[in-house]
């Protein structure tokens, strides 16, 4: 039976009075229960989700209570080292009540900070909780790269480490969270999702362990996603059913094929799920928007929330270009994308500014920084005659790339390097023109799998190849 808000108020008032009669020790419990009942009643009001988030959904609002971010260190017996995670504690957290938990995974090249620095998970939840659209929840953002080895200069070489995170999550991180925070430690109050590589982890780990996760999702899931027939069979064989199975992706993302295959397989098997097609590529606005919609469905009774209609269109045809940005270098709303190696779309243009503190700068030599959304592209260039060498760094993706065989002719420069994506080489070529203290840069990306449905090795047009990624 669902109670109206005024009934909760009467019950809460009675509990407080009874607590006063029995002794002051009862007040914290009564107050916590009263607040929990109010939160539950408001968050469990029937809700029809819009097709996308409003424009101000990630803005910091002065009148909205803010959650707290904590960085924790836990011991991973499965990996053999201490590891970090960031935990979002909702506003007005009360240890006398129990909270549901969402495990939120980042993409390849990221770490535990990326959902609150590159993306805006804490801002999204602060605003939704204040509007009574999301249940107050704890969010755990781990480092999904499961190894004691330091990050590689070529982050794509770490591809298979992400599959190894499953035992760390189940055996080490979840027990730590449930012993250090006031959480509801059962599948009905445990969710998992993520973006890109983390989207594949969310769907793989969640479906592999439906007895532990009732709420499962993936945003722009990468080719680490297990084949559709494997995941569908696991759902059919489980004695439990997901309370929510969310599959979201941008319609210009060339990684959409794997998500589409899973959606089609679930449809054929008549398994309930949400298929949400966003507009855009492999980029931050898509991931924030998916989180905004997904989190409003979590931990609520079946049928209470009407899923959102898609705003994008996709018919199963492969999307060309690494990162699936559509127009060169541009993502959703005409903003630079962040999906391809080095930032931006498969082809992109940037303006780098000379670092003024670099007194040794002369001509193109010295330090340069270009903005790409919230991250920075850093160049350090050295000139010897007509030869150009140096380093390139993208702050979104750990690791510095060194190049040695660049060229300079007057105000024109060019250099290139190779990114390896799960065994497949992608050649990244840069050209630039010097103009005072600005360097106009253009990037082109090419590789043997660029016209494939997934843009990744071992995957064909249907997302199932002879050499699928390790899961």
Protein backbone atom coordinates (compact mmCIF):
# COMPACT_ATOMS: atom_id res chain seq x y z
CA UNK A 1 0.00 0.00 0.00
CA UNK A 2 1.35 3.46 -0.90
CA UNK A 3 0.79 6.22 1.64
CA UNK A 4 0.24 9.88 0.86
CA UNK A 5 2.72 12.40 2.19
CA UNK A 6 0.44 13.74 4.94
CA UNK A 7 0.10 10.23 6.37
CA UNK A 8 3.86 9.94 6.59
CA UNK A 9 3.93 13.26 8.44
CA UNK A 10 1.48 11.99 11.04
CA UNK A 11 3.39 8.76 11.51
CA UNK A 12 6.68 10.65 11.75
CA UNK A 13 5.27 13.06 14.37
CA UNK A 14 3.93 10.18 16.42
CA UNK A 15 7.35 8.48 16.27
CA UNK A 16 9.07 11.63 17.55
CA UNK A 17 6.61 12.04 20.45
CA UNK A 18 6.95 8.36 21.35
CA UNK A 19 10.72 8.78 21.24
CA UNK A 20 10.53 11.65 23.75
CA UNK A 21 8.43 9.53 26.09
CA UNK A 22 10.83 6.58 25.88
CA UNK A 23 13.98 8.68 26.24
CA UNK A 24 16.19 10.96 24.18
CA UNK A 25 18.16 7.99 22.84
CA UNK A 26 15.22 7.25 20.53
CA UNK A 27 15.23 10.63 18.76
CA UNK A 28 17.95 9.93 16.14
CA UNK A 29 16.22 6.76 14.96
CA UNK A 30 12.80 8.39 14.80
CA UNK A 31 14.15 11.41 12.93
CA UNK A 32 16.04 9.21 10.47
CA UNK A 33 12.97 7.05 9.84
CA UNK A 34 10.79 10.13 9.40
CA UNK A 35 13.22 11.61 6.85
CA UNK A 36 13.57 8.28 5.04
CA UNK A 37 9.78 7.93 4.78
CA UNK A 38 9.46 11.44 3.36
CA UNK A 39 12.27 10.87 0.85
CA UNK A 40 10.74 7.57 -0.21
CA UNK A 41 7.27 9.03 -0.68
CA UNK A 42 8.53 11.94 -2.77
CA UNK A 43 11.01 9.98 -4.89
CA UNK A 44 8.41 7.27 -5.49
CA UNK A 45 5.87 9.60 -7.06
CA UNK A 46 4.89 8.46 -10.58
CA UNK A 47 7.33 9.88 -13.12
CA UNK A 48 7.36 10.12 -16.91
CA UNK A 49 10.94 10.66 -18.04
CA UNK A 50 11.62 13.31 -20.70
CA UNK A 51 13.48 12.34 -23.85
CA UNK A 52 16.59 14.17 -22.61
CA UNK A 53 17.88 16.20 -19.69
CA UNK A 54 17.19 19.95 -19.46
CA UNK A 55 20.01 22.30 -20.41
CA UNK A 56 20.85 23.24 -16.81
CA UNK A 57 20.92 19.74 -15.38
CA UNK A 58 24.65 19.77 -14.56
CA UNK A 59 24.75 23.35 -13.28
CA UNK A 60 25.73 23.94 -9.66
CA UNK A 61 22.70 25.52 -7.97
CA UNK A 62 23.23 27.68 -4.91
CA UNK A 63 19.97 26.60 -3.26
CA UNK A 64 20.58 22.85 -3.68
CA UNK A 65 22.16 20.77 -0.86
CA UNK A 66 25.43 19.23 -2.00
CA UNK A 67 26.57 15.66 -1.58
CA UNK A 68 30.06 14.86 -0.36
CA UNK A 69 32.89 13.23 -2.32
CA UNK A 70 35.31 11.00 -0.42
CA UNK A 71 38.36 9.20 -1.75
CA UNK A 72 38.73 5.83 -0.06
CA UNK A 73 41.59 3.33 -0.05
CA UNK A 74 40.76 -0.36 0.20
CA UNK A 75 42.89 -3.46 0.05
CA UNK A 76 42.41 -5.62 -3.02
CA UNK A 77 43.36 -9.20 -2.26
CA UNK A 78 42.50 -10.19 -5.82
CA UNK A 79 45.06 -7.74 -7.25
CA UNK A 80 47.44 -7.62 -4.31
CA UNK A 81 47.61 -3.86 -3.74
CA UNK A 82 45.74 -1.03 -2.06
CA UNK A 83 43.40 0.70 -4.49
CA UNK A 84 41.36 3.90 -4.55
CA UNK A 85 37.74 4.72 -5.28
CA UNK A 86 35.68 7.90 -5.07
CA UNK A 87 32.43 7.70 -3.09
CA UNK A 88 29.53 10.12 -3.48
CA UNK A 89 27.58 10.48 -0.25
CA UNK A 90 24.14 12.06 -0.84
CA UNK A 91 23.09 15.32 0.82
CA UNK A 92 21.87 14.98 4.42
CA UNK A 93 23.44 11.53 4.73
CA UNK A 94 22.28 9.89 7.95
CA UNK A 95 24.09 6.76 9.20
CA UNK A 96 20.91 5.72 11.01
CA UNK A 97 19.23 4.89 7.70
CA UNK A 98 20.26 2.49 4.93
CA UNK A 99 21.02 3.66 1.38
CA UNK A 100 21.07 1.87 -1.99
CA UNK A 101 24.36 1.85 -3.92
CA UNK A 102 25.24 2.52 -7.56
CA UNK A 103 28.63 1.30 -8.81
CA UNK A 104 29.62 3.67 -11.64
CA UNK A 105 32.46 2.70 -14.01
CA UNK A 106 34.70 4.99 -16.12
CA UNK A 107 36.07 4.45 -19.64
CA UNK A 108 39.46 3.23 -20.85
CA UNK A 109 42.29 5.60 -19.99
CA UNK A 110 40.29 7.01 -17.08
CA UNK A 111 40.33 6.46 -13.35
CA UNK A 112 38.16 6.80 -10.26
CA UNK A 113 37.95 10.61 -10.64
CA UNK A 114 36.58 10.80 -14.17
CA UNK A 115 32.85 10.62 -13.40
CA UNK A 116 33.20 13.77 -11.27
CA UNK A 117 35.84 15.65 -13.31
CA UNK A 118 35.35 14.74 -16.96
CA UNK A 119 31.64 14.03 -16.35
CA UNK A 120 29.31 15.47 -13.70
CA UNK A 121 27.89 12.58 -11.67
CA UNK A 122 27.77 14.46 -8.35
CA UNK A 123 26.08 17.51 -9.91
CA UNK A 124 23.50 15.36 -11.69
CA UNK A 125 22.56 13.54 -8.49
CA UNK A 126 22.58 16.64 -6.29
CA UNK A 127 20.01 18.28 -8.56
CA UNK A 128 17.86 15.17 -9.04
CA UNK A 129 17.73 14.40 -5.32
CA UNK A 130 16.79 18.03 -4.56
CA UNK A 131 13.94 17.75 -7.10
CA UNK A 132 12.80 14.43 -5.56
CA UNK A 133 13.35 12.71 -8.89
CA UNK A 134 16.07 10.31 -7.71
CA UNK A 135 16.22 8.18 -4.58
CA UNK A 136 19.07 9.36 -2.30
CA UNK A 137 21.86 6.88 -3.02
CA UNK A 138 25.55 6.28 -2.48
CA UNK A 139 27.61 6.17 -5.67
CA UNK A 140 30.90 4.28 -5.76
CA UNK A 141 33.27 5.20 -8.59
CA UNK A 142 36.17 2.69 -8.69
CA UNK A 143 39.28 2.44 -10.81
CA UNK A 144 38.19 -0.21 -13.31
CA UNK A 145 41.73 -0.87 -14.53
CA UNK A 146 42.56 -3.94 -12.44
CA UNK A 147 46.33 -4.22 -12.21
CA UNK A 148 49.18 -3.24 -9.93
CA UNK A 149 51.14 -2.06 -12.97
CA UNK A 150 51.33 1.73 -13.54
CA UNK A 151 49.33 3.13 -16.49
CA UNK A 152 50.93 2.53 -19.86
CA UNK A 153 51.92 5.37 -22.18
CA UNK A 154 49.58 3.71 -24.66
CA UNK A 155 46.41 3.38 -22.63
CA UNK A 156 44.81 1.07 -25.20
CA UNK A 157 47.37 -1.60 -24.31
CA UNK A 158 45.53 -1.84 -20.96
CA UNK A 159 42.36 -3.12 -22.67
CA UNK A 160 42.27 -6.55 -21.04
CA UNK A 161 42.93 -5.28 -17.50
CA UNK A 162 39.34 -4.05 -17.39
CA UNK A 163 37.88 -7.57 -17.54
CA UNK A 164 40.02 -8.49 -14.53
CA UNK A 165 38.18 -5.97 -12.34
CA UNK A 166 35.21 -8.29 -11.74
CA UNK A 167 36.75 -10.29 -8.82
CA UNK A 168 38.12 -7.09 -7.25
CA UNK A 169 34.64 -5.55 -7.39
CA UNK A 170 32.84 -8.57 -5.96
CA UNK A 171 35.38 -9.84 -3.43
CA UNK A 172 37.07 -6.65 -2.23
CA UNK A 173 35.33 -3.36 -3.04
CA UNK A 174 31.69 -4.26 -2.35
CA UNK A 175 32.51 -5.85 1.05
CA UNK A 176 34.53 -2.74 1.95
CA UNK A 177 31.66 -0.39 1.07
CA UNK A 178 29.13 -2.49 2.94
CA UNK A 179 31.29 -2.55 6.06
CA UNK A 180 32.13 1.18 6.05
CA UNK A 181 28.89 2.85 4.91
CA UNK A 182 25.26 2.53 5.90
CA UNK A 183 23.95 0.66 2.86
CA UNK A 184 21.29 -1.88 2.00
CA UNK A 185 23.44 -4.91 1.20
CA UNK A 186 21.22 -6.88 -1.17
CA UNK A 187 20.70 -7.13 -4.93
CA UNK A 188 17.48 -5.09 -4.88
CA UNK A 189 19.46 -2.08 -3.63
CA UNK A 190 22.61 -2.55 -5.73
CA UNK A 191 23.12 -1.13 -9.26
CA UNK A 192 25.98 -1.05 -11.77
CA UNK A 193 26.60 0.87 -14.98
CA UNK A 194 29.32 2.87 -16.71
CA UNK A 195 30.51 4.59 -19.85
CA UNK A 196 32.40 3.11 -22.82
CA UNK A 197 34.74 0.44 -21.40
CA UNK A 198 32.87 0.88 -18.11
CA UNK A 199 29.58 0.40 -19.97
CA UNK A 200 30.81 -2.98 -21.14
CA UNK A 201 31.89 -3.74 -17.57
CA UNK A 202 28.51 -2.67 -16.22
CA UNK A 203 26.55 -4.93 -18.56
CA UNK A 204 29.00 -7.85 -18.38
CA UNK A 205 29.46 -7.83 -14.60
CA UNK A 206 25.81 -7.07 -13.90
CA UNK A 207 24.45 -9.83 -16.15
CA UNK A 208 27.15 -12.25 -14.99
CA UNK A 209 25.96 -11.61 -11.43
CA UNK A 210 22.22 -10.94 -11.57
CA UNK A 211 22.01 -12.46 -8.10
CA UNK A 212 24.04 -9.45 -6.88
CA UNK A 213 22.79 -6.60 -9.11
CA UNK A 214 19.12 -5.94 -9.84
CA UNK A 215 19.76 -2.66 -11.69
CA UNK A 216 22.11 -2.92 -14.69
CA UNK A 217 23.13 -0.55 -17.45
CA UNK A 218 25.69 0.46 -20.04
CA UNK A 219 26.31 3.80 -21.77
CA UNK A 220 28.14 3.74 -25.14
CA UNK A 221 29.47 0.30 -24.29
CA UNK A 222 32.85 -0.56 -25.84
CA UNK A 223 33.82 -3.81 -27.64
CA UNK A 224 34.62 -5.46 -24.30
CA UNK A 225 30.86 -6.09 -24.22
CA UNK A 226 30.23 -9.83 -24.39
CA UNK A 227 28.33 -11.13 -27.46
CA UNK A 228 24.57 -10.66 -27.36
CA UNK A 229 23.76 -14.40 -27.45
CA UNK A 230 26.03 -15.02 -24.43
CA UNK A 231 24.45 -12.25 -22.33
CA UNK A 232 20.89 -13.16 -23.32
CA UNK A 233 21.48 -16.79 -22.37
CA UNK A 234 22.85 -15.79 -18.97
CA UNK A 235 19.71 -13.74 -18.27
CA UNK A 236 17.49 -16.63 -19.35
CA UNK A 237 19.37 -19.06 -17.11
CA UNK A 238 19.28 -16.84 -14.03
CA UNK A 239 16.61 -17.42 -11.39
CA UNK A 240 16.48 -13.64 -10.90
CA UNK A 241 15.41 -11.01 -13.40
CA UNK A 242 16.88 -7.51 -13.68
CA UNK A 243 14.66 -4.80 -12.24
CA UNK A 244 16.16 -2.51 -14.89
CA UNK A 245 18.34 -3.32 -17.89
CA UNK A 246 19.40 -0.10 -19.63
CA UNK A 247 21.26 0.08 -22.96
CA UNK A 248 22.09 3.58 -24.17
CA UNK A 249 24.30 4.98 -26.93
CA UNK A 250 24.66 7.95 -29.25
CA UNK A 251 23.44 7.52 -32.83
CA UNK A 252 26.75 8.82 -34.27
CA UNK A 253 28.93 6.54 -32.13
CA UNK A 254 30.62 3.83 -34.19
CA UNK A 255 30.65 1.63 -31.07
CA UNK A 256 26.85 1.46 -31.17
CA UNK A 257 26.85 -1.89 -33.02
CA UNK A 258 27.47 -3.95 -29.88
CA UNK A 259 24.69 -2.17 -27.98
CA UNK A 260 22.35 -2.60 -30.96
CA UNK A 261 23.11 -6.33 -31.15
CA UNK A 262 22.30 -6.76 -27.47
CA UNK A 263 19.07 -4.76 -27.85
CA UNK A 264 18.05 -6.93 -30.81
CA UNK A 265 18.89 -10.13 -28.93
CA UNK A 266 16.87 -9.03 -25.91
CA UNK A 267 13.93 -8.12 -28.13
CA UNK A 268 14.00 -11.53 -29.81
CA UNK A 269 14.11 -13.23 -26.40
CA UNK A 270 11.29 -10.96 -25.14
CA UNK A 271 13.41 -9.72 -22.22
CA UNK A 272 12.34 -6.35 -20.82
CA UNK A 273 14.91 -3.59 -21.21
CA UNK A 274 15.28 0.10 -22.04
CA UNK A 275 16.85 0.89 -25.43
CA UNK A 276 17.74 4.57 -25.45
CA UNK A 277 19.32 6.13 -28.55
CA UNK A 278 20.83 9.54 -27.84
CA UNK A 279 22.01 12.07 -30.43
CA UNK A 280 25.77 12.42 -30.60
CA UNK A 281 28.93 10.38 -30.57
CA UNK A 282 31.26 8.82 -28.02
CA UNK A 283 31.28 11.84 -25.73
CA UNK A 284 30.60 13.39 -22.35
CA UNK A 285 27.16 14.97 -23.07
CA UNK A 286 25.78 11.53 -24.01
CA UNK A 287 27.11 9.98 -20.79
CA UNK A 288 25.82 12.73 -18.50
CA UNK A 289 22.41 12.57 -20.21
CA UNK A 290 22.25 8.78 -19.83
CA UNK A 291 23.11 9.05 -16.14
CA UNK A 292 20.43 11.72 -15.66
CA UNK A 293 17.75 9.43 -17.09
CA UNK A 294 19.04 6.09 -15.78
CA UNK A 295 19.41 7.24 -12.17
CA UNK A 296 15.76 8.35 -12.00
CA UNK A 297 14.66 4.76 -12.62
CA UNK A 298 16.85 3.21 -9.93
CA UNK A 299 15.52 1.62 -6.76
CA UNK A 300 11.87 2.35 -7.55
CA UNK A 301 8.90 -0.04 -7.81
CA UNK A 302 8.19 -1.56 -11.21
CA UNK A 303 5.96 0.57 -13.39
CA UNK A 304 6.45 3.72 -11.34
CA UNK A 305 8.71 5.38 -13.92
CA UNK A 306 7.90 5.57 -17.63
CA UNK A 307 11.17 5.16 -19.61
CA UNK A 308 12.27 7.97 -21.92
CA UNK A 309 11.71 7.93 -25.69
CA UNK A 310 14.89 8.01 -27.77
CA UNK A 311 15.97 11.32 -29.27
CA UNK A 312 18.33 9.76 -31.82
CA UNK A 313 17.74 7.35 -34.67
CA UNK A 314 19.64 4.18 -35.49
CA UNK A 315 18.74 1.34 -37.88
CA UNK A 316 21.61 -1.09 -37.40
CA UNK A 317 23.93 0.20 -40.13
CA UNK A 318 27.61 0.68 -39.13
CA UNK A 319 28.69 4.21 -38.25
CA UNK A 320 32.03 5.10 -39.82
CA UNK A 321 35.00 6.78 -38.15
CA UNK A 322 36.75 6.02 -34.89
CA UNK A 323 34.65 7.43 -32.08
CA UNK A 324 31.64 7.92 -34.34
CA UNK A 325 31.61 11.70 -34.15
CA UNK A 326 29.68 12.29 -37.37
CA UNK A 327 30.98 15.67 -38.56
CA UNK A 328 34.76 15.94 -38.33
CA UNK A 329 35.80 16.45 -34.75
CA UNK A 330 32.36 17.54 -33.67
CA UNK A 331 30.08 15.78 -31.26
CA UNK A 332 26.64 16.51 -29.88
CA UNK A 333 25.45 20.06 -30.31
CA UNK A 334 28.49 21.02 -32.40
CA UNK A 335 30.89 20.54 -29.49
CA UNK A 336 34.24 18.77 -29.88
CA UNK A 337 33.96 15.07 -29.11
CA UNK A 338 36.27 13.14 -26.81
CA UNK A 339 36.04 9.59 -28.09
CA UNK A 340 39.02 9.10 -30.37
CA UNK A 341 42.60 8.72 -29.15
CA UNK A 342 44.07 12.11 -28.42
CA UNK A 343 40.67 13.75 -27.89
CA UNK A 344 38.07 14.96 -30.35
CA UNK A 345 36.57 13.05 -33.26
CA UNK A 346 38.42 11.03 -35.87
CA UNK A 347 39.39 14.27 -37.69
CA UNK A 348 39.55 17.47 -35.68
CA UNK A 349 40.95 20.99 -35.49
CA UNK A 350 42.40 22.71 -32.43
CA UNK A 351 44.05 26.02 -31.61
CA UNK A 352 47.02 25.67 -29.26
CA UNK A 353 48.30 28.64 -27.23
CA UNK A 354 51.94 29.15 -26.37
CA UNK A 355 52.69 28.65 -22.67
CA UNK A 356 53.85 32.13 -21.67
CA UNK A 357 56.00 30.88 -18.79
CA UNK A 358 58.21 29.01 -21.26
CA UNK A 359 60.97 31.61 -21.73
CA UNK A 360 62.88 29.33 -24.10
CA UNK A 361 60.12 29.40 -26.72
CA UNK A 362 61.15 30.45 -30.22
CA UNK A 363 59.12 29.87 -33.35
CA UNK A 364 57.25 26.58 -32.98
CA UNK A 365 59.70 25.32 -30.37
CA UNK A 366 58.47 25.20 -26.78
CA UNK A 367 55.30 24.34 -24.91
CA UNK A 368 51.77 24.60 -26.30
CA UNK A 369 48.34 23.88 -24.81
CA UNK A 370 45.03 23.39 -26.64
CA UNK A 371 41.66 23.09 -24.91
CA UNK A 372 39.35 20.19 -25.81
CA UNK A 373 36.22 20.52 -23.73
CA UNK A 374 37.26 20.11 -20.08
CA UNK A 375 40.60 18.49 -20.86
CA UNK A 376 43.85 19.81 -22.29
CA UNK A 377 46.11 18.72 -25.13
CA UNK A 378 49.74 19.49 -24.30
CA UNK A 379 52.55 19.70 -26.85
CA UNK A 380 56.26 20.12 -26.27
CA UNK A 381 58.11 20.74 -29.54
CA UNK A 382 61.85 20.69 -30.29
CA UNK A 383 63.36 21.88 -33.57
CA UNK A 384 66.67 20.83 -35.14
CA UNK A 385 66.90 22.26 -38.64
CA UNK A 386 63.97 20.80 -40.55
CA UNK A 387 63.45 18.02 -38.02
CA UNK A 388 60.68 18.23 -35.43
CA UNK A 389 60.42 16.04 -32.32
CA UNK A 390 58.65 16.24 -28.97
CA UNK A 391 55.88 14.87 -26.82
CA UNK A 392 52.08 14.90 -26.84
CA UNK A 393 49.79 14.49 -23.82
CA UNK A 394 46.02 14.43 -23.40
CA UNK A 395 45.07 15.10 -19.77
CA UNK A 396 41.92 13.02 -20.22
CA UNK A 397 44.00 9.96 -21.08
CA UNK A 398 47.04 9.15 -18.91
CA UNK A 399 50.40 8.75 -20.63
CA UNK A 400 52.80 10.86 -22.68
CA UNK A 401 53.45 10.03 -26.35
CA UNK A 402 56.87 10.72 -27.84
CA UNK A 403 57.44 11.38 -31.55
CA UNK A 404 60.80 11.83 -33.31
CA UNK A 405 60.26 12.07 -37.07
CA UNK A 406 58.26 15.26 -37.48
CA UNK A 407 59.02 17.94 -40.07
CA UNK A 408 59.04 21.75 -40.16
CA UNK A 409 58.96 23.92 -43.27
CA UNK A 410 58.70 27.62 -42.49
CA UNK A 411 55.52 28.06 -40.44
CA UNK A 412 54.20 24.57 -41.31
CA UNK A 413 54.74 21.52 -39.10
CA UNK A 414 53.74 17.86 -39.28
CA UNK A 415 54.25 14.83 -37.06
CA UNK A 416 52.61 11.47 -36.50
CA UNK A 417 52.48 8.50 -34.16
CA UNK A 418 50.64 5.20 -33.86
CA UNK A 419 48.00 4.21 -31.31
CA UNK A 420 47.45 0.49 -30.80
CA UNK A 421 43.87 -0.50 -30.03
CA UNK A 422 43.66 -4.11 -28.86
CA UNK A 423 46.29 -5.23 -31.38
CA UNK A 424 45.19 -3.01 -34.25
CA UNK A 425 47.24 0.05 -35.27
CA UNK A 426 45.70 3.48 -35.80
CA UNK A 427 47.92 6.14 -37.36
CA UNK A 428 47.42 9.64 -35.96
CA UNK A 429 48.75 12.45 -38.15
CA UNK A 430 49.02 16.08 -37.05
CA UNK A 431 49.67 19.15 -39.18
CA UNK A 432 49.91 22.72 -37.96
CA UNK A 433 50.45 26.34 -38.94
CA UNK A 434 52.21 28.87 -36.71
CA UNK A 435 50.50 32.23 -36.31
CA UNK A 436 52.18 34.38 -33.67
CA UNK A 437 51.54 32.76 -30.30
CA UNK A 438 48.94 30.39 -31.71
CA UNK A 439 49.40 27.06 -33.44
CA UNK A 440 46.51 25.99 -35.66
CA UNK A 441 46.45 22.19 -35.53
CA UNK A 442 44.62 19.59 -37.59
CA UNK A 443 44.45 15.90 -36.76
CA UNK A 444 43.65 12.96 -39.01
CA UNK A 445 43.09 9.44 -37.78
CA UNK A 446 43.35 6.31 -39.94
CA UNK A 447 43.43 2.59 -39.31
CA UNK A 448 42.69 -0.74 -40.92
CA UNK A 449 39.41 -1.11 -39.02
CA UNK A 450 38.01 2.37 -39.65
CA UNK A 451 35.19 1.18 -41.89
CA UNK A 452 34.16 -1.67 -39.61
CA UNK A 453 30.99 -1.53 -37.58
CA UNK A 454 32.87 -1.31 -34.30
CA UNK A 455 36.11 0.39 -35.25
CA UNK A 456 37.92 -2.20 -33.12
CA UNK A 457 39.85 -5.34 -34.06
CA UNK A 458 38.27 -8.75 -34.17
CA UNK A 459 34.78 -7.32 -34.72
CA UNK A 460 32.74 -7.50 -37.89
CA UNK A 461 29.64 -5.64 -39.02
CA UNK A 462 27.44 -7.61 -36.64
CA UNK A 463 29.83 -7.09 -33.71
CA UNK A 464 30.79 -10.76 -33.54
CA UNK A 465 34.20 -11.54 -35.01
CA UNK A 466 36.62 -14.39 -34.93
CA UNK A 467 38.71 -12.75 -32.23
CA UNK A 468 36.43 -10.94 -29.77
CA UNK A 469 37.94 -8.87 -26.99
CA UNK A 470 38.74 -10.67 -23.76
CA UNK A 471 35.82 -10.53 -21.31
